[in-house]
Amino acid sequence: MNEQAKTVKDLKAYRTIRSIQSLKLKKDRKINRVHVILDLYKCDEKLLAKATLLEQKVKKVLSQFSLEPKIETFYQFQPFGVTAIVCAQGLQFTMHTWPEYKSAALDLYSFGDRKRIMQICDQLKIGFKSDEYEMKVRKR
């Protein structure tokens, strides 16, 4: 039991030190990070059902902002649905689709400016023909 208490104490000390270091980082450097969670509803289900069509749409939007995917995966689920993971310079993008419900969930994390990430979200909404959406934005 004494060893267990020591482990918990060590973890608390680590968290304290880590939080102090992160505070110093925030004071010393300004890092523009934006995290967007975007849920799209009433989309065109044909665009959400096939990995090849989804890949074309996502790459088209990213190319409009001069973002070249460095890592990308588009996985086709059976009988339908797609999961996409794309990493480009300054952007991490994940998406999962539910064509049977005409909806998709997107998670974008950007190291760039907020205006650009909002423009990317707008283009994604237009590209998937979403009539309704819910967006949560958090500056980090």
Protein backbone atom coordinates (compact mmCIF):
# COMPACT_ATOMS: atom_id res chain seq x y z
CA MET A 1 0.00 0.00 0.00
CA ASN A 2 2.88 2.34 0.73
CA GLU A 3 4.26 1.80 -2.79
CA GLN A 4 0.87 2.58 -4.27
CA ALA A 5 0.67 5.85 -2.33
CA LYS A 6 4.16 6.77 -3.52
CA THR A 7 3.17 6.16 -7.15
CA VAL A 8 0.13 8.43 -6.85
CA LYS A 9 2.28 11.11 -5.20
CA ASP A 10 4.82 10.86 -8.03
CA LEU A 11 2.08 11.25 -10.61
CA LYS A 12 0.72 14.34 -8.87
CA ALA A 13 4.20 15.85 -8.80
CA TYR A 14 4.64 15.15 -12.51
CA ARG A 15 1.33 16.79 -13.34
CA THR A 16 2.24 19.87 -11.31
CA ILE A 17 5.61 20.25 -13.02
CA ARG A 18 4.09 19.65 -16.41
CA SER A 19 1.41 22.29 -15.87
CA ILE A 20 4.02 24.85 -14.75
CA GLN A 21 6.06 24.16 -17.88
CA SER A 22 3.00 24.58 -20.08
CA LEU A 23 2.23 27.90 -18.41
CA LYS A 24 5.74 29.10 -19.20
CA LEU A 25 5.30 27.99 -22.79
CA LYS A 26 2.09 29.99 -23.09
CA LYS A 27 3.80 33.11 -21.74
CA ASP A 28 6.92 32.76 -23.87
CA ARG A 29 5.44 31.73 -27.21
CA LYS A 30 2.24 32.41 -29.02
CA ILE A 31 1.04 29.27 -30.76
CA ASN A 32 -2.14 29.60 -32.79
CA ARG A 33 -4.00 26.33 -32.38
CA VAL A 34 -7.66 25.82 -33.16
CA HIS A 35 -9.70 22.67 -32.56
CA VAL A 36 -13.00 22.35 -34.44
CA ILE A 37 -15.58 19.63 -33.98
CA LEU A 38 -18.06 19.77 -36.84
CA ASP A 39 -21.17 17.61 -37.18
CA LEU A 40 -22.84 17.73 -40.59
CA TYR A 41 -26.48 16.74 -41.08
CA LYS A 42 -28.79 16.32 -44.10
CA CYS A 43 -25.82 15.76 -46.42
CA ASP A 44 -25.81 14.11 -49.83
CA GLU A 45 -25.60 10.43 -48.83
CA LYS A 46 -23.91 9.46 -52.11
CA LEU A 47 -20.89 11.61 -51.26
CA LEU A 48 -20.64 10.04 -47.80
CA ALA A 49 -21.05 6.40 -48.83
CA LYS A 50 -17.93 5.75 -50.95
CA ALA A 51 -14.34 6.26 -49.89
CA THR A 52 -13.26 7.30 -53.40
CA LEU A 53 -15.82 10.12 -53.62
CA LEU A 54 -15.05 11.28 -50.10
CA GLU A 55 -11.33 11.32 -50.86
CA GLN A 56 -11.87 13.46 -53.96
CA LYS A 57 -13.98 16.00 -52.03
CA VAL A 58 -11.57 16.26 -49.10
CA LYS A 59 -8.50 16.60 -51.33
CA LYS A 60 -10.24 19.22 -53.45
CA VAL A 61 -10.99 21.35 -50.39
CA LEU A 62 -7.46 20.97 -49.01
CA SER A 63 -5.90 21.87 -52.37
CA GLN A 64 -7.90 25.12 -52.40
CA PHE A 65 -5.91 26.12 -49.32
CA SER A 66 -2.57 24.83 -50.65
CA LEU A 67 -2.53 21.95 -48.17
CA GLU A 68 -0.86 18.82 -49.47
CA PRO A 69 -1.72 15.64 -47.52
CA LYS A 70 1.39 13.99 -46.07
CA ILE A 71 -0.45 11.09 -44.46
CA GLU A 72 -3.88 9.95 -45.57
CA THR A 73 -6.19 6.99 -45.06
CA PHE A 74 -9.70 6.53 -46.38
CA TYR A 75 -11.24 3.32 -45.10
CA GLN A 76 -14.45 1.92 -46.59
CA PHE A 77 -16.71 0.14 -44.09
CA GLN A 78 -19.17 -2.52 -45.22
CA PRO A 79 -21.98 -2.18 -46.06
CA PHE A 80 -21.43 1.60 -45.95
CA GLY A 81 -19.63 4.39 -44.13
CA VAL A 82 -16.14 5.82 -44.42
CA THR A 83 -13.46 6.89 -41.97
CA ALA A 84 -10.88 9.39 -43.19
CA ILE A 85 -7.65 10.50 -41.57
CA VAL A 86 -5.56 13.20 -43.24
CA CYS A 87 -2.47 14.98 -41.95
CA ALA A 88 -1.16 17.97 -43.87
CA GLN A 89 1.26 20.65 -42.80
CA GLY A 90 -0.42 22.43 -39.91
CA LEU A 91 -3.65 20.41 -40.07
CA GLN A 92 -4.95 17.15 -38.65
CA PHE A 93 -8.29 16.03 -40.05
CA THR A 94 -10.47 13.05 -39.16
CA MET A 95 -13.93 12.24 -40.42
CA HIS A 96 -16.46 9.46 -40.10
CA THR A 97 -19.61 9.21 -42.19
CA TRP A 98 -23.02 7.67 -41.67
CA PRO A 99 -24.64 7.79 -45.11
CA GLU A 100 -27.73 5.96 -43.87
CA TYR A 101 -28.38 8.98 -41.60
CA LYS A 102 -27.00 11.53 -44.09
CA SER A 103 -24.51 12.73 -41.47
CA ALA A 104 -20.80 13.03 -40.83
CA ALA A 105 -18.58 13.92 -37.88
CA LEU A 106 -15.38 15.90 -38.48
CA ASP A 107 -12.53 16.77 -36.17
CA LEU A 108 -10.05 19.38 -37.35
CA TYR A 109 -7.01 20.52 -35.43
CA SER A 110 -5.05 23.35 -36.97
CA PHE A 111 -1.80 25.08 -36.13
CA GLY A 112 -2.68 27.95 -38.43
CA ASP A 113 -4.92 30.92 -38.09
CA ARG A 114 -8.57 30.65 -37.11
CA LYS A 115 -9.85 32.37 -40.24
CA ARG A 116 -8.34 29.73 -42.53
CA ILE A 117 -9.74 26.79 -40.55
CA MET A 118 -13.20 28.37 -40.62
CA GLN A 119 -12.94 28.76 -44.39
CA ILE A 120 -12.00 25.08 -44.68
CA CYS A 121 -15.06 24.16 -42.60
CA ASP A 122 -17.29 26.30 -44.81
CA GLN A 123 -15.95 24.58 -47.93
CA LEU A 124 -16.53 21.15 -46.37
CA LYS A 125 -20.13 22.08 -45.53
CA ILE A 126 -20.67 23.20 -49.13
CA GLY A 127 -18.83 20.20 -50.60
CA PHE A 128 -20.97 17.66 -48.74
CA LYS A 129 -24.17 19.68 -49.34
CA SER A 130 -24.99 19.92 -45.66
CA ASP A 131 -28.26 21.66 -44.83
CA GLU A 132 -27.66 21.61 -41.07
CA TYR A 133 -24.54 21.55 -38.94
CA GLU A 134 -23.30 21.92 -35.41
CA MET A 135 -19.85 23.37 -34.79
CA LYS A 136 -17.75 23.68 -31.65
CA VAL A 137 -14.57 25.74 -31.82
CA ARG A 138 -11.92 25.82 -29.16
CA LYS A 139 -8.78 27.91 -29.19
CA ARG A 140 -5.88 26.06 -27.62
